[in-house]
Protein backbone atom coordinates (compact mmCIF):
# COMPACT_ATOMS: atom_id res chain seq x y z
CA MET A 1 24.85 21.86 -2.21
CA ASP A 2 24.12 25.42 -2.52
CA SER A 3 21.12 25.97 -0.04
CA GLU A 4 21.14 29.68 -0.93
CA ASN A 5 19.80 28.58 -4.63
CA LEU A 6 17.04 26.48 -3.55
CA ARG A 7 13.47 27.54 -3.15
CA LEU A 8 10.12 25.92 -2.38
CA VAL A 9 6.83 26.43 -4.48
CA PHE A 10 3.76 23.94 -4.15
CA LEU A 11 2.40 23.35 -7.71
CA LYS A 12 -1.18 22.16 -8.68
CA TRP A 13 -1.44 18.66 -9.74
CA SER A 14 -2.34 20.45 -13.21
CA ASP A 15 1.37 22.26 -13.89
CA PRO A 16 2.26 20.24 -16.37
CA ARG A 17 6.07 20.10 -14.55
CA VAL A 18 4.46 17.82 -12.06
CA GLU A 19 4.32 14.44 -13.96
CA PRO A 20 7.42 14.31 -15.92
CA ALA A 21 9.37 15.38 -12.51
CA TRP A 22 7.29 12.80 -10.45
CA LYS A 23 7.90 9.66 -13.32
CA SER A 24 11.39 10.71 -13.36
CA MET A 25 11.82 10.00 -9.55
CA GLU A 26 10.39 6.83 -9.75
CA THR A 27 12.66 3.71 -9.28
CA GLY A 28 12.25 -0.25 -9.42
CA GLU A 29 11.65 -0.94 -6.14
CA MET A 30 10.23 1.84 -4.84
CA SER A 31 6.64 1.12 -3.48
CA PRO A 32 3.37 0.88 -5.31
CA PHE A 33 1.85 3.59 -3.01
CA LEU A 34 4.28 6.38 -4.06
CA HIS A 35 3.98 5.81 -8.03
CA TYR A 36 1.95 8.90 -9.66
CA ASP A 37 -0.52 6.57 -11.36
CA TYR A 38 -1.34 5.39 -7.82
CA LEU A 39 -1.51 8.66 -6.40
CA ARG A 40 -3.44 10.07 -9.07
CA TYR A 41 -6.69 7.94 -8.27
CA LEU A 42 -6.12 8.80 -4.70
CA ALA A 43 -6.01 12.76 -5.18
CA ARG A 44 -9.43 12.03 -7.70
CA PHE A 45 -10.68 10.26 -4.12
CA THR A 46 -9.59 13.11 -1.72
CA ARG A 47 -11.48 15.50 -3.99
CA ARG A 48 -14.67 13.72 -4.22
CA ILE A 49 -14.87 12.73 -0.01
CA LYS A 50 -12.88 15.85 0.96
CA PRO A 51 -13.65 19.12 -1.19
CA LEU A 52 -12.55 21.53 0.61
CA TYR A 53 -9.08 20.55 0.90
CA ARG A 54 -6.47 21.54 -1.45
CA LEU A 55 -4.11 18.87 -3.40
CA ARG A 56 -0.37 20.64 -3.61
CA ILE A 57 2.90 19.51 -4.81
CA ALA A 58 5.43 20.82 -2.40
CA CYS A 59 8.29 20.76 -4.74
CA VAL A 60 12.02 22.30 -3.90
CA LEU A 61 13.75 23.72 -6.78
CA GLN A 62 17.09 24.90 -7.97
CA GLY A 63 17.32 26.98 -10.69
CA GLU A 64 13.98 25.59 -12.61
CA GLU A 65 14.82 21.50 -11.76
CA ILE A 66 12.45 19.70 -9.05
CA LEU A 67 14.66 18.10 -6.89
CA LEU A 68 12.65 17.05 -4.33
CA LEU A 69 8.30 16.46 -4.33
CA VAL A 70 6.27 16.05 -1.30
CA PRO A 71 2.54 15.29 -2.15
CA LEU A 72 0.29 17.11 0.71
CA LYS A 73 -3.41 18.17 1.47
CA GLY A 74 -4.88 20.25 3.58
CA GLY A 75 -4.68 24.25 3.92
CA SER A 76 -3.96 27.15 5.56
CA ARG A 77 -3.39 25.96 9.07
CA TYR A 78 -1.60 22.74 8.63
CA TRP A 79 -0.87 20.51 5.75
CA ARG A 80 -1.02 16.19 5.82
CA MET A 81 0.76 13.52 3.16
CA LEU A 82 -1.84 12.84 0.35
CA GLY A 83 -1.14 9.12 1.04
CA GLU A 84 -2.65 9.37 4.41
CA LEU A 85 -5.67 7.32 3.57
CA GLN A 86 -6.94 4.01 4.19
CA GLY A 87 -5.72 1.89 1.37
CA CYS A 88 -2.91 3.20 0.96
CA ASP A 89 -0.18 2.13 3.32
CA ARG A 90 3.22 4.02 2.51
CA THR A 91 4.47 7.58 2.09
CA ASP A 92 7.73 9.62 1.46
CA ALA A 93 8.56 12.43 -0.26
CA LEU A 94 10.40 11.69 -3.72
CA TRP A 95 14.05 12.88 -4.89
CA LYS A 96 15.85 13.12 -7.77
CA PRO A 97 17.49 9.68 -8.35
CA SER A 98 20.49 10.84 -8.72
CA LEU A 99 21.41 12.66 -5.00
CA THR A 100 23.74 11.26 -2.35
CA VAL A 101 22.04 10.85 1.10
CA ALA A 102 23.25 13.46 2.71
CA GLU A 103 22.04 15.61 -0.23
CA ARG A 104 18.46 14.62 -0.05
CA GLU A 105 19.10 15.01 4.20
CA GLU A 106 19.37 18.32 3.37
CA LEU A 107 16.60 19.33 1.22
CA ALA A 108 14.31 17.76 3.81
CA ALA A 109 15.77 19.64 6.41
CA PHE A 110 15.16 22.86 4.06
CA PHE A 111 11.68 21.36 3.75
CA TYR A 112 10.91 21.44 6.89
CA ARG A 113 12.22 25.25 7.59
CA SER A 114 10.41 26.61 4.60
CA VAL A 115 7.35 25.47 5.70
CA SER A 116 5.72 26.75 8.81
CA GLN A 117 2.36 25.10 8.99
CA LYS A 118 1.50 22.70 10.95
CA LEU A 119 2.50 19.40 9.45
CA LYS A 120 1.09 15.85 10.28
CA LEU A 121 2.77 13.46 8.19
CA HIS A 122 2.15 10.29 8.60
CA ARG A 123 2.99 6.53 7.28
CA ILE A 124 6.52 7.41 5.85
CA GLN A 125 8.55 4.75 5.43
CA CYS A 126 11.17 3.72 7.43
CA ASP A 127 13.98 4.59 5.80
CA SER A 128 13.00 8.11 4.26
CA PRO A 129 15.67 10.84 4.69
CA LEU A 130 11.96 13.08 5.95
CA LEU A 131 12.73 10.92 9.08
CA ALA A 132 16.82 11.81 9.40
CA ARG A 133 16.46 15.47 9.61
CA LEU A 134 13.33 16.22 12.00
CA PRO A 135 13.38 19.75 13.58
CA GLU A 136 12.89 18.53 17.06
CA ASP A 137 12.05 21.73 18.22
CA ARG A 138 8.43 21.36 16.49
CA LEU A 139 8.24 17.69 17.24
CA GLU A 140 5.37 17.19 18.93
CA ASN A 141 4.30 13.32 18.33
CA ALA A 142 6.01 10.06 16.58
CA VAL A 143 4.95 6.80 16.24
CA GLN A 144 5.74 3.95 15.06
CA VAL A 145 3.73 1.02 12.97
CA THR A 146 4.37 -1.95 12.59
CA TYR A 147 3.93 -3.61 8.47
CA VAL A 148 4.81 -7.15 7.67
CA ARG A 149 6.75 -8.82 4.69
CA ILE A 150 7.47 -12.50 3.50
CA PRO A 151 10.87 -12.96 1.71
CA VAL A 152 10.55 -15.68 -0.71
CA PRO A 153 13.71 -18.35 -1.32
CA ASP A 154 13.71 -20.09 -4.69
CA ASP A 155 12.86 -23.02 -2.70
CA PRO A 156 9.41 -22.45 -1.15
CA GLU A 157 9.82 -26.02 1.37
CA VAL A 158 13.20 -23.61 2.90
CA LEU A 159 10.14 -21.07 4.09
CA LEU A 160 7.34 -23.47 4.39
CA LYS A 161 9.69 -26.09 6.76
CA SER A 162 11.13 -23.03 8.33
CA LEU A 163 7.96 -22.16 10.50
CA SER A 164 6.79 -23.53 13.78
CA SER A 165 5.76 -26.78 13.83
CA SER A 166 1.74 -25.23 14.94
CA VAL A 167 1.64 -23.73 11.47
CA ARG A 168 2.88 -26.35 9.68
CA GLN A 169 0.34 -28.86 11.10
CA ASN A 170 -2.79 -26.52 10.49
CA ILE A 171 -1.56 -26.01 7.20
CA ARG A 172 -1.78 -29.84 6.45
CA THR A 173 -4.76 -29.78 8.48
CA ALA A 174 -6.45 -27.58 6.04
CA TYR A 175 -5.36 -29.39 2.98
CA ASN A 176 -6.65 -32.43 4.37
CA ARG A 177 -9.77 -31.41 5.44
CA MET A 178 -10.16 -30.53 1.53
CA LYS A 179 -9.09 -33.50 0.51
CA ARG A 180 -11.44 -35.81 2.67
CA ASP A 181 -14.42 -33.50 1.90
CA GLY A 182 -14.04 -33.27 -1.71
CA ILE A 183 -13.38 -29.91 -1.85
CA ASP A 184 -11.16 -28.58 -5.32
CA TYR A 185 -9.29 -25.70 -4.98
CA ARG A 186 -6.90 -23.71 -7.44
CA LEU A 187 -5.23 -20.87 -7.49
CA ASP A 188 -5.55 -17.94 -10.44
CA ILE A 189 -3.08 -14.80 -10.61
CA TYR A 190 -4.07 -12.15 -12.50
CA ASP A 191 -1.68 -10.02 -13.66
CA ALA A 192 -0.42 -7.66 -16.96
CA ASP A 193 -0.07 -10.68 -18.89
CA HIS A 194 -3.60 -12.30 -17.80
CA PRO A 195 -5.78 -9.13 -16.50
CA VAL A 196 -8.45 -9.74 -14.79
CA SER A 197 -12.20 -9.73 -16.33
CA ASP A 198 -14.87 -7.51 -15.22
CA GLY A 199 -17.04 -10.40 -14.04
CA VAL A 200 -13.87 -12.24 -12.11
CA TRP A 201 -13.25 -8.52 -10.61
CA LYS A 202 -17.10 -8.15 -9.30
CA GLN A 203 -16.65 -11.65 -7.49
CA MET A 204 -13.53 -9.91 -5.87
CA MET A 205 -15.21 -7.06 -4.63
CA ASP A 206 -18.38 -8.69 -3.37
CA LEU A 207 -16.23 -11.25 -1.03
CA TYR A 208 -14.29 -8.21 0.10
CA PHE A 209 -17.47 -5.86 0.61
CA ASP A 210 -19.00 -8.87 2.39
CA ARG A 211 -15.68 -9.69 4.57
CA VAL A 212 -15.01 -5.99 5.20
CA PHE A 213 -18.50 -5.25 5.96
CA SER A 214 -19.05 -8.08 8.81
CA LYS A 215 -15.74 -8.49 10.42
CA TYR A 216 -15.07 -4.82 11.21
CA ARG A 217 -17.39 -3.52 14.18
CA SER A 218 -16.60 0.13 13.14
CA GLU A 219 -17.36 -0.24 9.36
CA GLN A 220 -20.46 -1.96 9.96
CA VAL A 221 -23.72 -0.03 8.44
CA ARG A 222 -27.09 -1.69 9.86
CA SER A 223 -29.71 0.33 7.35
CA TRP A 224 -30.28 -1.01 4.35
CA TRP A 225 -29.84 2.60 2.12
CA GLY A 226 -26.78 2.96 4.39
CA ARG A 227 -25.16 -0.21 3.02
CA ARG A 228 -25.67 0.39 -0.85
CA LYS A 229 -24.22 3.92 -0.58
CA LYS A 230 -21.40 2.56 1.32
CA ARG A 231 -21.21 -0.22 -1.30
CA ARG A 232 -21.23 2.55 -4.52
CA ILE A 233 -18.74 3.94 -2.96
CA TYR A 234 -16.07 1.26 -2.72
CA TYR A 235 -17.24 -0.14 -6.28
CA ARG A 236 -16.79 2.89 -7.82
CA TYR A 237 -15.29 5.65 -6.06
CA LYS A 238 -12.64 4.37 -4.02
CA HIS A 239 -9.04 5.06 -5.12
CA ASP A 240 -7.53 1.46 -3.66
CA THR A 241 -10.67 -0.04 -6.14
CA LEU A 242 -10.19 1.74 -9.14
CA SER A 243 -6.50 1.44 -8.91
CA LEU A 244 -6.41 -2.01 -7.79
CA HIS A 245 -8.26 -2.63 -10.68
CA TYR A 246 -7.04 -0.34 -13.91
CA LEU A 247 -3.11 -0.37 -12.65
CA PRO A 248 -1.19 -2.66 -15.28
CA ASN A 249 1.07 -3.12 -12.46
CA SER A 250 -1.61 -5.05 -10.06
CA PHE A 251 -1.40 -8.13 -8.78
CA HIS A 252 -4.34 -9.98 -7.38
CA ALA A 253 -4.13 -14.29 -6.03
CA VAL A 254 -7.79 -16.04 -6.23
CA LEU A 255 -7.89 -19.54 -4.56
CA TRP A 256 -11.21 -21.11 -6.38
CA SER A 257 -13.46 -23.81 -5.17
CA GLY A 258 -14.95 -24.67 -8.78
CA ASP A 259 -16.90 -21.02 -9.61
CA HIS A 260 -16.39 -19.67 -5.97
CA ILE A 261 -13.95 -17.41 -4.58
CA ILE A 262 -13.06 -18.68 -1.35
CA ALA A 263 -9.83 -16.57 -0.40
CA LEU A 264 -8.05 -13.77 -2.29
CA MET A 265 -5.48 -10.93 -2.34
CA ASN A 266 -5.40 -7.90 -4.18
CA GLY A 267 -2.05 -5.62 -4.77
CA LEU A 268 0.47 -3.97 -6.66
CA LYS A 269 4.03 -4.74 -7.61
CA THR A 270 7.01 -2.65 -7.71
CA HIS A 271 8.34 -0.87 -11.29
CA ASP A 272 11.07 -3.68 -10.98
CA GLY A 273 8.33 -6.72 -10.32
CA LYS A 274 10.36 -8.22 -7.42
CA THR A 275 7.75 -7.32 -4.43
CA ALA A 276 3.97 -7.94 -4.42
CA VAL A 277 2.21 -5.13 -1.98
CA ILE A 278 -1.19 -6.29 -0.50
CA PRO A 279 -3.22 -4.37 1.14
CA ARG A 280 -6.23 -6.07 0.79
CA LEU A 281 -6.51 -9.57 1.70
CA ALA A 282 -10.00 -11.75 2.39
CA ILE A 283 -11.90 -15.18 2.84
CA ASP A 284 -15.23 -16.93 2.51
CA THR A 285 -15.94 -17.09 6.44
CA ALA A 286 -18.66 -20.17 4.73
CA PHE A 287 -15.17 -22.20 3.98
CA GLY A 288 -13.62 -21.32 7.51
CA PHE A 289 -13.27 -24.84 8.26
CA TYR A 290 -10.81 -25.20 6.01
CA SER A 291 -8.10 -22.17 6.91
CA PRO A 292 -8.38 -20.72 3.25
CA GLY A 293 -6.22 -18.11 3.74
CA TYR A 294 -2.95 -20.44 5.18
CA VAL A 295 -4.24 -22.57 2.13
CA LEU A 296 -3.82 -19.26 -0.33
CA LEU A 297 -0.53 -17.82 1.47
CA THR A 298 0.98 -21.03 0.75
CA GLU A 299 0.01 -21.43 -2.63
CA VAL A 300 0.92 -17.90 -3.38
CA ILE A 301 4.53 -18.83 -1.94
CA ARG A 302 5.12 -21.14 -4.12
CA TYR A 303 3.57 -19.12 -7.30
CA ILE A 304 6.20 -16.27 -6.04
CA ALA A 305 9.13 -19.11 -5.84
CA SER A 306 8.17 -20.81 -9.59
CA HIS A 307 8.08 -17.31 -10.65
CA PRO A 308 11.35 -15.77 -12.10
CA VAL A 309 11.15 -12.18 -11.06
CA LEU A 310 9.25 -12.33 -8.04
CA GLN A 311 11.05 -12.33 -4.67
CA GLU A 312 8.82 -10.87 -2.17
CA LEU A 313 5.22 -10.35 -0.36
CA ASP A 314 4.55 -7.97 1.48
CA LEU A 315 1.56 -8.02 3.62
CA SER A 316 1.65 -4.08 4.19
CA ARG A 317 0.38 -2.55 7.13
CA GLY A 318 -0.76 -4.25 10.32
CA ASP A 319 0.66 -7.20 12.67
CA GLU A 320 -1.91 -9.92 12.51
CA LYS A 321 -0.20 -13.03 13.86
CA TYR A 322 -1.66 -15.06 10.19
CA LYS A 323 1.24 -12.89 9.15
CA PHE A 324 4.06 -13.66 11.25
CA ASP A 325 2.86 -17.39 11.13
CA MET A 326 3.78 -17.68 7.77
CA GLY A 327 7.41 -16.18 7.98
CA GLY A 328 6.69 -12.65 7.94
CA GLN A 329 9.28 -9.73 9.05
CA PRO A 330 8.40 -6.84 10.41
CA TYR A 331 9.52 -3.65 9.57
CA THR A 332 7.95 -0.09 10.41
CA THR A 333 6.42 3.29 9.25
CA THR A 334 6.25 6.40 11.52
CA ASP A 335 3.63 9.18 11.68
CA ILE A 336 4.39 12.33 12.38
CA ASP A 337 3.29 15.43 13.80
CA LEU A 338 5.05 18.54 13.61
CA LYS A 339 3.69 22.22 15.61
CA ALA A 340 3.95 25.34 13.02
CA SER A 341 7.09 27.12 13.38
CA CYS A 342 7.27 30.00 15.55
């Protein structure tokens, strides 16, 4: 690659070159957190909560062709990855698909040389060429964060029988308790073929919101007004709420007892439909005695095994024990901080 003919430009989201170039770089297996349609919701939300941020797409061009793009937010002193926000679990640059690994790494090196401001590139996926050509003289910090995925075989019993004896017993106990106490249950999957209705979506949001703001101390809001304000933001403006609700590649698994939701997961599917990525999971603690989380995961694993395309359940950011209990395998993203160049 002739690096002398490369140039870096910062384009606005409104630039007519951005969307077609971006979508031409999306691949089947790409994380849905990198899709243009997902990050468009995130960009709108960022403008609302951080109106002083500039949103730019850093593009490396050869002639007039965009070979690399990096979605950023920030200003004159530093740039951050646009997707470095709760609800978006992976970030990365996007490359022209026909480029080789070596060419992508060369473009990454050119990007670093061309951006003199401080860079905070967090949640970079582990196989990104951005990590291969880090400028060591600028590196201030590099921290890996664990994520978990569950590959599901065609026969779900192969996976379920491979779990530890204590986890298998916990699953059996959960089912037995529900049967003994007459707790009926069913799994419903909502996706492009079975869209979620507004009524069901509100039920899911009510459970998720109450779970988040009761479980996590840092999220708890004591005042009635503060909680109402938070609820309005989560229901009407949050990028992940809107994308999970409206994007055609959304994937929702709901465990019902009658007309009551006892556990749920909300996520997005990759373009090739092989992976469902789950950033939200919640249970109704009133049913905690029946371990509805274990039941939900078991039923979803069986659903994926019977599905002609789905192969993997990606439980996303965090190394919670239940993810490994159910056969999860770890992978990482990396948070990179680079100081300004001299």
